[in-house]
Amino acid sequence: MNNENSVVISSRVRLARNVAGLPFPHKLRREHGAMIAKQVYDALAKSGTYNLNRVSASNELDLDVLKEKHLISEDLLRAENGAAIINDAETVSIMINEEDHIREQCILRGFRLDEAYREIDKIDDVIGEKVKYAFDPKLGYLTCCPTNIGTGMRASVMMFLPALSLTNGIESYVNAVSRLNMTVRGVYGEGSKADGFIYQVSNCKTLGISEEEIISSVDNCINSLVEAELAARDKLFRSDGAAIRDRVGRAWGILTNAYSLSTDEFMSLMAYVKLGAYDGYGLIKITDPDRLEKLVTEAQPANIVNISGKALDGDASGISPARRDIMRASYVSKTLKSIGSRA
């Protein structure tokens, strides 16, 4: 994997919107919640193929699959009037009645914030032609949480930062970006852990700043973090190269031969395989980097059950944890052997 792609996993731009004249979702009547979902879905009828997923009509496994893909949030799962409108490519997801009436997001692989912004901005215009947004001339878009008032925009980038984590440099960079009105969170957002050395970096400020300025400021922050991570990798390999080679080799060996793998063990080992696939190390040869990154999501609990096609046996996650771990190990081994090898 080349330098930038070995650090930046994906880019997301999210816009928070509310319907004028209606209370926020936690005070919304059921019929109004259904009305918003229909209005948004109908507005998108000529903009591509979208699927409407109502939380109340969806099973737990399907919802968990979408959550693990970052297409919906944990909060949406608890929303009485919640729904998600998702395109076939799963690059656009519009959450209905989560914290706000409408949360539109575009997620693209790699460092593509500008492209994600252009795509979601077009979709926002399409919906805005049919739905009247709550907007104040001085404050901008009105949102349930005051921190989103203004543009209602969050631009975020998912990053793989193993060297900064291993060299204890991540804390200083978290403090540094916070002074630039940025926030650093775990893999599933606020309150989550940075499993597999994966972090989300996004803007905090939405009021008194334009959408273009937000994109530019996040871009600059990400570029600085990419440089810092790559420098930390070089330093780590020079100072502790033998240990890194050993960890990468052991991780590859276990992932390609294990009979059973828990989610936590998979995430920990997969981080070292990804680090070993970085061009600067060249310890693992990967023919399809996108497939490698996709595997991180596919091996999550709900997704691995969904991929397996196994019948449910009463467990909320689809099958028993022990069976799921065996399935994960088999799937991971087969996939890694098909796209990679030890250098």
C-alpha atoms as a PDB file:
ATOM      1  CA  MET A   1       0.000   0.000   0.000  1.00  0.00           C
ATOM      2  CA  ASN A   2       1.288   3.468  -0.813  1.00  0.00           C
ATOM      3  CA  ASN A   3       1.917   6.131   1.783  1.00  0.00           C
ATOM      4  CA  GLU A   4      -1.401   7.997   1.943  1.00  0.00           C
ATOM      5  CA  ASN A   5      -3.633   4.957   1.373  1.00  0.00           C
ATOM      6  CA  SER A   6      -1.877   3.080   4.160  1.00  0.00           C
ATOM      7  CA  VAL A   7      -2.976   5.778   6.621  1.00  0.00           C
ATOM      8  CA  VAL A   8      -6.339   7.093   5.380  1.00  0.00           C
ATOM      9  CA  ILE A   9      -9.119   4.502   5.276  1.00  0.00           C
ATOM     10  CA  SER A  10     -12.184   6.515   4.294  1.00  0.00           C
ATOM     11  CA  SER A  11     -13.679   9.993   4.093  1.00  0.00           C
ATOM     12  CA  ARG A  12     -17.143  11.030   5.234  1.00  0.00           C
ATOM     13  CA  VAL A  13     -19.144  14.248   5.027  1.00  0.00           C
ATOM     14  CA  ARG A  14     -22.373  14.456   7.037  1.00  0.00           C
ATOM     15  CA  LEU A  15     -25.037  17.164   6.989  1.00  0.00           C
ATOM     16  CA  ALA A  16     -27.595  17.565   9.787  1.00  0.00           C
ATOM     17  CA  ARG A  17     -30.987  18.966   8.786  1.00  0.00           C
ATOM     18  CA  ASN A  18     -34.398  19.386  10.391  1.00  0.00           C
ATOM     19  CA  VAL A  19     -37.860  19.994   8.960  1.00  0.00           C
ATOM     20  CA  ALA A  20     -39.255  23.464   9.616  1.00  0.00           C
ATOM     21  CA  GLY A  21     -42.244  23.575  11.945  1.00  0.00           C
ATOM     22  CA  LEU A  22     -41.755  20.165  13.545  1.00  0.00           C
ATOM     23  CA  PRO A  23     -40.316  19.311  16.991  1.00  0.00           C
ATOM     24  CA  PHE A  24     -36.984  17.477  17.133  1.00  0.00           C
ATOM     25  CA  PRO A  25     -37.118  13.653  16.864  1.00  0.00           C
ATOM     26  CA  HIS A  26     -37.320  12.923  20.604  1.00  0.00           C
ATOM     27  CA  LYS A  27     -40.598  14.897  20.710  1.00  0.00           C
ATOM     28  CA  LEU A  28     -41.876  13.872  17.287  1.00  0.00           C
ATOM     29  CA  ARG A  29     -45.177  12.079  16.788  1.00  0.00           C
ATOM     30  CA  ARG A  30     -45.036   8.708  15.017  1.00  0.00           C
ATOM     31  CA  GLU A  31     -47.022   9.872  11.991  1.00  0.00           C
ATOM     32  CA  HIS A  32     -44.702  12.826  11.499  1.00  0.00           C
ATOM     33  CA  GLY A  33     -41.671  10.551  11.673  1.00  0.00           C
ATOM     34  CA  ALA A  34     -43.110   8.311   8.957  1.00  0.00           C
ATOM     35  CA  MET A  35     -43.973  11.382   6.890  1.00  0.00           C
ATOM     36  CA  ILE A  36     -40.374  12.652   6.947  1.00  0.00           C
ATOM     37  CA  ALA A  37     -39.020   9.275   5.826  1.00  0.00           C
ATOM     38  CA  LYS A  38     -41.480   9.163   2.918  1.00  0.00           C
ATOM     39  CA  GLN A  39     -40.758  12.758   1.872  1.00  0.00           C
ATOM     40  CA  VAL A  40     -37.015  12.178   1.757  1.00  0.00           C
ATOM     41  CA  TYR A  41     -37.359   8.811   0.003  1.00  0.00           C
ATOM     42  CA  ASP A  42     -39.703  10.266  -2.612  1.00  0.00           C
ATOM     43  CA  ALA A  43     -37.403  13.257  -3.153  1.00  0.00           C
ATOM     44  CA  LEU A  44     -34.581  10.871  -4.083  1.00  0.00           C
ATOM     45  CA  ALA A  45     -36.661   8.853  -6.543  1.00  0.00           C
ATOM     46  CA  LYS A  46     -34.900  10.303  -9.596  1.00  0.00           C
ATOM     47  CA  SER A  47     -31.416  10.450  -8.041  1.00  0.00           C
ATOM     48  CA  GLY A  48     -30.566   6.743  -8.154  1.00  0.00           C
ATOM     49  CA  THR A  49     -31.673   3.533  -6.480  1.00  0.00           C
ATOM     50  CA  TYR A  50     -32.204   3.852  -2.744  1.00  0.00           C
ATOM     51  CA  ASN A  51     -33.512   1.379  -0.183  1.00  0.00           C
ATOM     52  CA  LEU A  52     -35.674   2.468   2.745  1.00  0.00           C
ATOM     53  CA  ASN A  53     -34.866   0.581   5.954  1.00  0.00           C
ATOM     54  CA  ARG A  54     -37.248   1.271   8.827  1.00  0.00           C
ATOM     55  CA  VAL A  55     -35.783   0.367  12.212  1.00  0.00           C
ATOM     56  CA  SER A  56     -39.079  -1.040  13.502  1.00  0.00           C
ATOM     57  CA  ALA A  57     -39.442  -3.324  10.451  1.00  0.00           C
ATOM     58  CA  SER A  58     -35.820  -4.543  10.300  1.00  0.00           C
ATOM     59  CA  ASN A  59     -34.284  -7.464  12.159  1.00  0.00           C
ATOM     60  CA  GLU A  60     -31.448  -6.951  14.602  1.00  0.00           C
ATOM     61  CA  LEU A  61     -28.832  -8.647  12.438  1.00  0.00           C
ATOM     62  CA  ASP A  62     -29.523  -6.455   9.401  1.00  0.00           C
ATOM     63  CA  LEU A  63     -29.311  -3.319  11.520  1.00  0.00           C
ATOM     64  CA  ASP A  64     -26.053  -4.431  13.137  1.00  0.00           C
ATOM     65  CA  VAL A  65     -24.590  -5.099   9.678  1.00  0.00           C
ATOM     66  CA  LEU A  66     -25.375  -1.507   8.673  1.00  0.00           C
ATOM     67  CA  LYS A  67     -23.930  -0.164  11.929  1.00  0.00           C
ATOM     68  CA  GLU A  68     -20.666  -2.061  11.456  1.00  0.00           C
ATOM     69  CA  LYS A  69     -20.429  -0.593   7.951  1.00  0.00           C
ATOM     70  CA  HIS A  70     -20.829   2.897   9.511  1.00  0.00           C
ATOM     71  CA  LEU A  71     -24.006   3.447   7.480  1.00  0.00           C
ATOM     72  CA  ILE A  72     -26.127   3.969  10.584  1.00  0.00           C
ATOM     73  CA  SER A  73     -25.378   4.907  14.183  1.00  0.00           C
ATOM     74  CA  GLU A  74     -25.997   3.213  17.506  1.00  0.00           C
ATOM     75  CA  ASP A  75     -28.454   6.011  18.360  1.00  0.00           C
ATOM     76  CA  LEU A  76     -30.575   5.214  15.302  1.00  0.00           C
ATOM     77  CA  LEU A  77     -31.082   1.661  16.560  1.00  0.00           C
ATOM     78  CA  ARG A  78     -32.929   3.095  19.565  1.00  0.00           C
ATOM     79  CA  ALA A  79     -34.949   5.654  17.587  1.00  0.00           C
ATOM     80  CA  GLU A  80     -38.688   4.956  17.721  1.00  0.00           C
ATOM     81  CA  ASN A  81     -39.296   6.608  14.332  1.00  0.00           C
ATOM     82  CA  GLY A  82     -35.873   5.748  12.931  1.00  0.00           C
ATOM     83  CA  ALA A  83     -35.137   4.820   9.329  1.00  0.00           C
ATOM     84  CA  ALA A  84     -32.189   4.751   6.968  1.00  0.00           C
ATOM     85  CA  ILE A  85     -32.265   5.449   3.230  1.00  0.00           C
ATOM     86  CA  ILE A  86     -29.194   3.894   1.612  1.00  0.00           C
ATOM     87  CA  ASN A  87     -28.054   3.723  -2.010  1.00  0.00           C
ATOM     88  CA  ASP A  88     -27.082   0.448  -3.672  1.00  0.00           C
ATOM     89  CA  ALA A  89     -23.367   1.294  -3.616  1.00  0.00           C
ATOM     90  CA  GLU A  90     -23.592   1.980   0.134  1.00  0.00           C
ATOM     91  CA  THR A  91     -21.758   5.259  -0.307  1.00  0.00           C
ATOM     92  CA  VAL A  92     -24.731   7.411   0.681  1.00  0.00           C
ATOM     93  CA  SER A  93     -26.775   6.908   3.834  1.00  0.00           C
ATOM     94  CA  ILE A  94     -29.511   9.195   5.092  1.00  0.00           C
ATOM     95  CA  MET A  95     -30.574   8.577   8.676  1.00  0.00           C
ATOM     96  CA  ILE A  96     -34.109   9.682   9.517  1.00  0.00           C
ATOM     97  CA  ASN A  97     -35.138  10.740  13.036  1.00  0.00           C
ATOM     98  CA  GLU A  98     -31.867   9.966  14.767  1.00  0.00           C
ATOM     99  CA  GLU A  99     -30.720  13.055  16.723  1.00  0.00           C
ATOM    100  CA  ASP A 100     -32.027  15.258  13.901  1.00  0.00           C
ATOM    101  CA  HIS A 101     -34.830  14.653  11.421  1.00  0.00           C
ATOM    102  CA  ILE A 102     -32.396  14.135   8.540  1.00  0.00           C
ATOM    103  CA  ARG A 103     -28.706  13.232   8.650  1.00  0.00           C
ATOM    104  CA  GLU A 104     -27.242  12.873   5.180  1.00  0.00           C
ATOM    105  CA  GLN A 105     -23.811  11.333   4.774  1.00  0.00           C
ATOM    106  CA  CYS A 106     -21.522  10.272   1.959  1.00  0.00           C
ATOM    107  CA  ILE A 107     -18.709   7.807   2.732  1.00  0.00           C
ATOM    108  CA  LEU A 108     -15.939   7.120   0.213  1.00  0.00           C
ATOM    109  CA  ARG A 109     -12.825   4.981   0.481  1.00  0.00           C
ATOM    110  CA  GLY A 110      -9.527   6.823   0.733  1.00  0.00           C
ATOM    111  CA  PHE A 111      -8.797  10.519   1.175  1.00  0.00           C
ATOM    112  CA  ARG A 112     -11.665  12.009  -0.861  1.00  0.00           C
ATOM    113  CA  LEU A 113     -13.290  14.675   1.292  1.00  0.00           C
ATOM    114  CA  ASP A 114     -13.877  17.083  -1.605  1.00  0.00           C
ATOM    115  CA  GLU A 115     -15.617  14.386  -3.624  1.00  0.00           C
ATOM    116  CA  ALA A 116     -17.735  13.277  -0.664  1.00  0.00           C
ATOM    117  CA  TYR A 117     -18.731  16.887  -0.019  1.00  0.00           C
ATOM    118  CA  ARG A 118     -19.758  17.489  -3.644  1.00  0.00           C
ATOM    119  CA  GLU A 119     -21.864  14.327  -3.665  1.00  0.00           C
ATOM    120  CA  ILE A 120     -23.720  15.005  -0.409  1.00  0.00           C
ATOM    121  CA  ASP A 121     -24.174  18.675  -1.304  1.00  0.00           C
ATOM    122  CA  LYS A 122     -26.039  17.639  -4.472  1.00  0.00           C
ATOM    123  CA  ILE A 123     -28.215  15.245  -2.503  1.00  0.00           C
ATOM    124  CA  ASP A 124     -28.921  17.946   0.083  1.00  0.00           C
ATOM    125  CA  ASP A 125     -30.123  20.248  -2.702  1.00  0.00           C
ATOM    126  CA  VAL A 126     -32.395  17.531  -4.106  1.00  0.00           C
ATOM    127  CA  ILE A 127     -34.000  16.882  -0.709  1.00  0.00           C
ATOM    128  CA  GLY A 128     -34.198  20.614   0.002  1.00  0.00           C
ATOM    129  CA  GLU A 129     -36.371  21.095  -3.078  1.00  0.00           C
ATOM    130  CA  LYS A 130     -39.069  18.909  -1.494  1.00  0.00           C
ATOM    131  CA  VAL A 131     -38.479  19.456   2.222  1.00  0.00           C
ATOM    132  CA  LYS A 132     -38.368  22.861   3.916  1.00  0.00           C
ATOM    133  CA  TYR A 133     -35.395  22.925   6.255  1.00  0.00           C
ATOM    134  CA  ALA A 134     -35.371  24.691   9.618  1.00  0.00           C
ATOM    135  CA  PHE A 135     -33.042  27.622   8.898  1.00  0.00           C
ATOM    136  CA  ASP A 136     -32.244  30.918  10.598  1.00  0.00           C
ATOM    137  CA  PRO A 137     -30.650  33.754   8.578  1.00  0.00           C
ATOM    138  CA  LYS A 138     -28.153  34.490  11.375  1.00  0.00           C
ATOM    139  CA  LEU A 139     -27.528  31.045  12.873  1.00  0.00           C
ATOM    140  CA  GLY A 140     -27.844  28.878   9.789  1.00  0.00           C
ATOM    141  CA  TYR A 141     -29.330  25.367   9.922  1.00  0.00           C
ATOM    142  CA  LEU A 142     -31.037  24.647  13.252  1.00  0.00           C
ATOM    143  CA  THR A 143     -30.089  21.357  14.868  1.00  0.00           C
ATOM    144  CA  CYS A 144     -31.004  19.426  18.005  1.00  0.00           C
ATOM    145  CA  CYS A 145     -27.479  19.703  19.410  1.00  0.00           C
ATOM    146  CA  PRO A 146     -26.181  23.304  19.581  1.00  0.00           C
ATOM    147  CA  THR A 147     -22.704  22.171  18.489  1.00  0.00           C
ATOM    148  CA  ASN A 148     -24.080  21.377  15.014  1.00  0.00           C
ATOM    149  CA  ILE A 149     -25.842  24.695  14.413  1.00  0.00           C
ATOM    150  CA  GLY A 150     -24.613  26.654  11.396  1.00  0.00           C
ATOM    151  CA  THR A 151     -23.564  24.521   8.462  1.00  0.00           C
ATOM    152  CA  GLY A 152     -24.648  21.345  10.241  1.00  0.00           C
ATOM    153  CA  MET A 153     -21.586  19.744   8.663  1.00  0.00           C
ATOM    154  CA  ARG A 154     -19.174  17.175  10.045  1.00  0.00           C
ATOM    155  CA  ALA A 155     -16.290  16.226   7.803  1.00  0.00           C
ATOM    156  CA  SER A 156     -14.446  13.202   9.119  1.00  0.00           C
ATOM    157  CA  VAL A 157     -11.681  10.872   8.035  1.00  0.00           C
ATOM    158  CA  MET A 158     -11.078   7.334   9.293  1.00  0.00           C
ATOM    159  CA  MET A 159      -7.354   6.855   9.898  1.00  0.00           C
ATOM    160  CA  PHE A 160      -5.044   3.932  10.645  1.00  0.00           C
ATOM    161  CA  LEU A 161      -2.428   5.234  13.088  1.00  0.00           C
ATOM    162  CA  PRO A 162      -0.438   2.277  14.461  1.00  0.00           C
ATOM    163  CA  ALA A 163       2.988   3.897  14.748  1.00  0.00           C
ATOM    164  CA  LEU A 164       1.736   6.986  16.570  1.00  0.00           C
ATOM    165  CA  SER A 165      -0.133   4.657  18.921  1.00  0.00           C
ATOM    166  CA  LEU A 166       2.787   2.300  19.522  1.00  0.00           C
ATOM    167  CA  THR A 167       5.274   5.134  20.102  1.00  0.00           C
ATOM    168  CA  ASN A 168       2.874   6.947  22.485  1.00  0.00           C
ATOM    169  CA  GLY A 169       2.738   9.929  20.155  1.00  0.00           C
ATOM    170  CA  ILE A 170      -0.996   9.797  19.581  1.00  0.00           C
ATOM    171  CA  GLU A 171      -1.906  11.675  22.767  1.00  0.00           C
ATOM    172  CA  SER A 172       0.155  14.745  21.851  1.00  0.00           C
ATOM    173  CA  TYR A 173      -1.435  14.837  18.390  1.00  0.00           C
ATOM    174  CA  VAL A 174      -4.918  14.465  19.848  1.00  0.00           C
ATOM    175  CA  ASN A 175      -4.205  17.491  22.044  1.00  0.00           C
ATOM    176  CA  ALA A 176      -2.760  19.384  19.087  1.00  0.00           C
ATOM    177  CA  VAL A 177      -5.725  18.829  16.759  1.00  0.00           C
ATOM    178  CA  SER A 178      -8.186  19.700  19.545  1.00  0.00           C
ATOM    179  CA  ARG A 179      -6.667  23.180  19.592  1.00  0.00           C
ATOM    180  CA  LEU A 180      -7.521  23.401  15.881  1.00  0.00           C
ATOM    181  CA  ASN A 181     -11.224  22.740  16.556  1.00  0.00           C
ATOM    182  CA  MET A 182     -10.862  19.068  15.630  1.00  0.00           C
ATOM    183  CA  THR A 183     -11.778  15.975  17.578  1.00  0.00           C
ATOM    184  CA  VAL A 184     -10.336  12.455  17.564  1.00  0.00           C
ATOM    185  CA  ARG A 185     -12.581   9.500  18.379  1.00  0.00           C
ATOM    186  CA  GLY A 186     -12.571   5.710  18.174  1.00  0.00           C
ATOM    187  CA  VAL A 187     -13.630   3.528  15.275  1.00  0.00           C
ATOM    188  CA  TYR A 188     -17.376   3.861  15.979  1.00  0.00           C
ATOM    189  CA  GLY A 189     -17.364   7.505  17.011  1.00  0.00           C
ATOM    190  CA  GLU A 190     -17.880   9.135  20.376  1.00  0.00           C
ATOM    191  CA  GLY A 191     -17.189   6.859  23.330  1.00  0.00           C
ATOM    192  CA  SER A 192     -15.803   3.987  21.262  1.00  0.00           C
ATOM    193  CA  LYS A 193     -12.325   2.440  21.331  1.00  0.00           C
ATOM    194  CA  ALA A 194      -9.655   2.823  18.680  1.00  0.00           C
ATOM    195  CA  ASP A 195      -9.715  -0.894  17.853  1.00  0.00           C
ATOM    196  CA  GLY A 196      -6.969  -1.883  15.463  1.00  0.00           C
ATOM    197  CA  PHE A 197      -5.380   1.575  15.844  1.00  0.00           C
ATOM    198  CA  ILE A 198      -8.303   3.078  13.883  1.00  0.00           C
ATOM    199  CA  TYR A 199      -9.367   6.649  14.698  1.00  0.00           C
ATOM    200  CA  GLN A 200     -11.946   9.132  13.390  1.00  0.00           C
ATOM    201  CA  VAL A 201     -10.783  12.733  12.990  1.00  0.00           C
ATOM    202  CA  SER A 202     -13.437  15.402  12.385  1.00  0.00           C
ATOM    203  CA  ASN A 203     -14.217  19.090  12.784  1.00  0.00           C
ATOM    204  CA  CYS A 204     -15.863  20.448  15.937  1.00  0.00           C
ATOM    205  CA  LYS A 205     -16.844  23.911  14.756  1.00  0.00           C
ATOM    206  CA  THR A 206     -19.867  24.326  12.489  1.00  0.00           C
ATOM    207  CA  LEU A 207     -21.030  27.858  13.315  1.00  0.00           C
ATOM    208  CA  GLY A 208     -19.502  30.964  11.742  1.00  0.00           C
ATOM    209  CA  ILE A 209     -17.528  28.996   9.180  1.00  0.00           C
ATOM    210  CA  SER A 210     -18.375  27.951   5.628  1.00  0.00           C
ATOM    211  CA  GLU A 211     -18.613  24.375   4.376  1.00  0.00           C
ATOM    212  CA  GLU A 212     -15.594  24.962   2.136  1.00  0.00           C
ATOM    213  CA  GLU A 213     -13.579  26.223   5.101  1.00  0.00           C
ATOM    214  CA  ILE A 214     -14.490  23.118   7.091  1.00  0.00           C
ATOM    215  CA  ILE A 215     -13.308  20.835   4.285  1.00  0.00           C
ATOM    216  CA  SER A 216     -10.076  22.813   3.947  1.00  0.00           C
ATOM    217  CA  SER A 217      -9.310  22.766   7.683  1.00  0.00           C
ATOM    218  CA  VAL A 218      -9.946  19.018   7.985  1.00  0.00           C
ATOM    219  CA  ASP A 219      -7.829  18.423   4.851  1.00  0.00           C
ATOM    220  CA  ASN A 220      -4.911  20.303   6.393  1.00  0.00           C
ATOM    221  CA  CYS A 221      -5.236  18.430   9.677  1.00  0.00           C
ATOM    222  CA  ILE A 222      -5.317  15.043   7.943  1.00  0.00           C
ATOM    223  CA  ASN A 223      -2.284  15.857   5.810  1.00  0.00           C
ATOM    224  CA  SER A 224      -0.341  16.725   8.957  1.00  0.00           C
ATOM    225  CA  LEU A 225      -1.408  13.493  10.660  1.00  0.00           C
ATOM    226  CA  VAL A 226      -0.453  11.441   7.598  1.00  0.00           C
ATOM    227  CA  GLU A 227       3.048  12.971   7.640  1.00  0.00           C
ATOM    228  CA  ALA A 228       3.368  12.381  11.393  1.00  0.00           C
ATOM    229  CA  GLU A 229       2.251   8.744  11.133  1.00  0.00           C
ATOM    230  CA  LEU A 230       4.625   7.971   8.253  1.00  0.00           C
ATOM    231  CA  ALA A 231       7.517   9.599  10.107  1.00  0.00           C
ATOM    232  CA  ALA A 232       6.632   7.576  13.211  1.00  0.00           C
ATOM    233  CA  ARG A 233       6.633   4.369  11.137  1.00  0.00           C
ATOM    234  CA  ASP A 234      10.103   5.108   9.787  1.00  0.00           C
ATOM    235  CA  LYS A 235      11.360   5.813  13.290  1.00  0.00           C
ATOM    236  CA  LEU A 236       9.686   2.686  14.675  1.00  0.00           C
ATOM    237  CA  PHE A 237      11.182   0.437  12.008  1.00  0.00           C
ATOM    238  CA  ARG A 238      14.670   1.895  12.473  1.00  0.00           C
ATOM    239  CA  SER A 239      14.570   1.577  16.251  1.00  0.00           C
ATOM    240  CA  ASP A 240      12.641  -1.676  16.609  1.00  0.00           C
ATOM    241  CA  GLY A 241      12.620  -3.305  13.180  1.00  0.00           C
ATOM    242  CA  ALA A 242      13.201  -6.860  14.419  1.00  0.00           C
ATOM    243  CA  ALA A 243      10.239  -6.681  16.795  1.00  0.00           C
ATOM    244  CA  ILE A 244       7.991  -5.250  14.057  1.00  0.00           C
ATOM    245  CA  ARG A 245       8.985  -8.022  11.633  1.00  0.00           C
ATOM    246  CA  ASP A 246       8.250 -10.587  14.310  1.00  0.00           C
ATOM    247  CA  ARG A 247       4.829  -9.158  15.174  1.00  0.00           C
ATOM    248  CA  VAL A 248       3.848  -8.908  11.502  1.00  0.00           C
ATOM    249  CA  GLY A 249       4.976 -12.468  10.813  1.00  0.00           C
ATOM    250  CA  ARG A 250       3.181 -13.876  13.839  1.00  0.00           C
ATOM    251  CA  ALA A 251       0.002 -11.946  12.955  1.00  0.00           C
ATOM    252  CA  TRP A 252       0.034 -13.292   9.387  1.00  0.00           C
ATOM    253  CA  GLY A 253       0.679 -16.807  10.618  1.00  0.00           C
ATOM    254  CA  ILE A 254      -2.188 -16.787  13.100  1.00  0.00           C
ATOM    255  CA  LEU A 255      -4.688 -15.110  10.783  1.00  0.00           C
ATOM    256  CA  THR A 256      -3.993 -17.546   7.961  1.00  0.00           C
ATOM    257  CA  ASN A 257      -3.974 -20.683  10.144  1.00  0.00           C
ATOM    258  CA  ALA A 258      -6.184 -20.163  13.203  1.00  0.00           C
ATOM    259  CA  TYR A 259      -9.244 -22.358  13.748  1.00  0.00           C
ATOM    260  CA  SER A 260     -11.040 -19.740  15.856  1.00  0.00           C
ATOM    261  CA  LEU A 261     -10.692 -15.945  16.090  1.00  0.00           C
ATOM    262  CA  SER A 262     -12.493 -13.521  18.386  1.00  0.00           C
ATOM    263  CA  THR A 263     -13.256 -10.016  17.125  1.00  0.00           C
ATOM    264  CA  ASP A 264     -10.720  -8.420  19.465  1.00  0.00           C
ATOM    265  CA  GLU A 265      -7.961 -10.846  18.483  1.00  0.00           C
ATOM    266  CA  PHE A 266      -8.722 -10.346  14.801  1.00  0.00           C
ATOM    267  CA  MET A 267      -8.582  -6.543  15.081  1.00  0.00           C
ATOM    268  CA  SER A 268      -5.297  -6.639  16.994  1.00  0.00           C
ATOM    269  CA  LEU A 269      -3.605  -9.044  14.558  1.00  0.00           C
ATOM    270  CA  MET A 270      -5.069  -7.435  11.454  1.00  0.00           C
ATOM    271  CA  ALA A 271      -3.503  -4.124  12.456  1.00  0.00           C
ATOM    272  CA  TYR A 272      -0.050  -5.676  12.185  1.00  0.00           C
ATOM    273  CA  VAL A 273      -0.837  -7.317   8.844  1.00  0.00           C
ATOM    274  CA  LYS A 274      -1.933  -3.921   7.491  1.00  0.00           C
ATOM    275  CA  LEU A 275       1.212  -2.340   8.910  1.00  0.00           C
ATOM    276  CA  GLY A 276       3.321  -5.042   7.272  1.00  0.00           C
ATOM    277  CA  ALA A 277       1.617  -4.362   3.916  1.00  0.00           C
ATOM    278  CA  TYR A 278       2.726  -0.712   3.991  1.00  0.00           C
ATOM    279  CA  ASP A 279       5.189  -0.055   1.128  1.00  0.00           C
ATOM    280  CA  GLY A 280       7.739   1.349   3.555  1.00  0.00           C
ATOM    281  CA  TYR A 281       8.025  -2.076   5.194  1.00  0.00           C
ATOM    282  CA  GLY A 282       7.067  -4.445   2.385  1.00  0.00           C
ATOM    283  CA  LEU A 283       6.768  -7.381   4.779  1.00  0.00           C
ATOM    284  CA  ILE A 284       3.445  -8.542   3.335  1.00  0.00           C
ATOM    285  CA  LYS A 285       2.613  -8.498  -0.385  1.00  0.00           C
ATOM    286  CA  ILE A 286      -1.032  -7.549  -0.988  1.00  0.00           C
ATOM    287  CA  THR A 287      -2.508  -7.615  -4.495  1.00  0.00           C
ATOM    288  CA  ASP A 288      -5.781  -5.903  -3.554  1.00  0.00           C
ATOM    289  CA  PRO A 289      -5.459  -3.278  -0.772  1.00  0.00           C
ATOM    290  CA  ASP A 290      -9.162  -2.361  -0.992  1.00  0.00           C
ATOM    291  CA  ARG A 291     -10.096  -5.989  -0.380  1.00  0.00           C
ATOM    292  CA  LEU A 292      -7.785  -6.054   2.627  1.00  0.00           C
ATOM    293  CA  GLU A 293      -9.507  -3.017   4.121  1.00  0.00           C
ATOM    294  CA  LYS A 294     -12.952  -4.413   3.333  1.00  0.00           C
ATOM    295  CA  LEU A 295     -12.047  -7.534   5.307  1.00  0.00           C
ATOM    296  CA  VAL A 296     -11.876  -5.456   8.505  1.00  0.00           C
ATOM    297  CA  THR A 297     -15.608  -4.765   8.189  1.00  0.00           C
ATOM    298  CA  GLU A 298     -16.543  -8.208   6.889  1.00  0.00           C
ATOM    299  CA  ALA A 299     -15.017  -9.890   9.936  1.00  0.00           C
ATOM    300  CA  GLN A 300     -17.122  -7.906  12.422  1.00  0.00           C
ATOM    301  CA  PRO A 301     -19.731  -9.974  14.335  1.00  0.00           C
ATOM    302  CA  ALA A 302     -22.903  -9.165  12.378  1.00  0.00           C
ATOM    303  CA  ASN A 303     -21.202  -9.008   8.994  1.00  0.00           C
ATOM    304  CA  ILE A 304     -19.470 -12.369   9.341  1.00  0.00           C
ATOM    305  CA  VAL A 305     -22.807 -13.962  10.265  1.00  0.00           C
ATOM    306  CA  ASN A 306     -24.514 -12.247   7.346  1.00  0.00           C
ATOM    307  CA  ILE A 307     -21.813 -13.346   4.896  1.00  0.00           C
ATOM    308  CA  SER A 308     -21.932 -16.933   6.132  1.00  0.00           C
ATOM    309  CA  GLY A 309     -25.609 -17.322   5.275  1.00  0.00           C
ATOM    310  CA  LYS A 310     -26.122 -19.493   8.348  1.00  0.00           C
ATOM    311  CA  ALA A 311     -29.594 -19.792   9.847  1.00  0.00           C
ATOM    312  CA  LEU A 312     -30.189 -17.959  13.092  1.00  0.00           C
ATOM    313  CA  ASP A 313     -30.167 -20.100  16.207  1.00  0.00           C
ATOM    314  CA  GLY A 314     -31.624 -17.731  18.748  1.00  0.00           C
ATOM    315  CA  ASP A 315     -28.498 -15.700  19.466  1.00  0.00           C
ATOM    316  CA  ALA A 316     -29.056 -11.952  18.988  1.00  0.00           C
ATOM    317  CA  SER A 317     -25.951 -11.731  16.808  1.00  0.00           C
ATOM    318  CA  GLY A 318     -27.125 -14.593  14.614  1.00  0.00           C
ATOM    319  CA  ILE A 319     -25.219 -17.601  15.889  1.00  0.00           C
ATOM    320  CA  SER A 320     -23.344 -18.550  19.023  1.00  0.00           C
ATOM    321  CA  PRO A 321     -20.122 -16.613  19.677  1.00  0.00           C
ATOM    322  CA  ALA A 322     -18.059 -19.822  19.457  1.00  0.00           C
ATOM    323  CA  ARG A 323     -19.425 -20.727  16.016  1.00  0.00           C
ATOM    324  CA  ARG A 324     -19.031 -17.148  14.855  1.00  0.00           C
ATOM    325  CA  ASP A 325     -15.346 -17.151  15.858  1.00  0.00           C
ATOM    326  CA  ILE A 326     -14.756 -20.354  13.882  1.00  0.00           C
ATOM    327  CA  MET A 327     -16.479 -18.875  10.836  1.00  0.00           C
ATOM    328  CA  ARG A 328     -14.414 -15.713  11.141  1.00  0.00           C
ATOM    329  CA  ALA A 329     -11.140 -17.621  11.257  1.00  0.00           C
ATOM    330  CA  SER A 330     -12.037 -19.634   8.154  1.00  0.00           C
ATOM    331  CA  TYR A 331     -13.191 -16.594   6.182  1.00  0.00           C
ATOM    332  CA  VAL A 332     -10.210 -14.449   7.147  1.00  0.00           C
ATOM    333  CA  SER A 333      -7.722 -17.190   6.302  1.00  0.00           C
ATOM    334  CA  LYS A 334      -9.264 -17.840   2.896  1.00  0.00           C
ATOM    335  CA  THR A 335      -9.441 -14.145   2.030  1.00  0.00           C
ATOM    336  CA  LEU A 336      -5.900 -13.275   3.100  1.00  0.00           C
ATOM    337  CA  LYS A 337      -4.421 -16.221   1.185  1.00  0.00           C
ATOM    338  CA  SER A 338      -6.285 -15.106  -1.945  1.00  0.00           C
ATOM    339  CA  ILE A 339      -4.892 -11.561  -1.910  1.00  0.00           C
ATOM    340  CA  GLY A 340      -1.550 -11.721  -0.136  1.00  0.00           C
ATOM    341  CA  SER A 341       1.569 -13.566   0.933  1.00  0.00           C
ATOM    342  CA  ARG A 342       4.639 -13.108   3.106  1.00  0.00           C
ATOM    343  CA  ALA A 343       7.270 -11.084   1.245  1.00  0.00           C
END
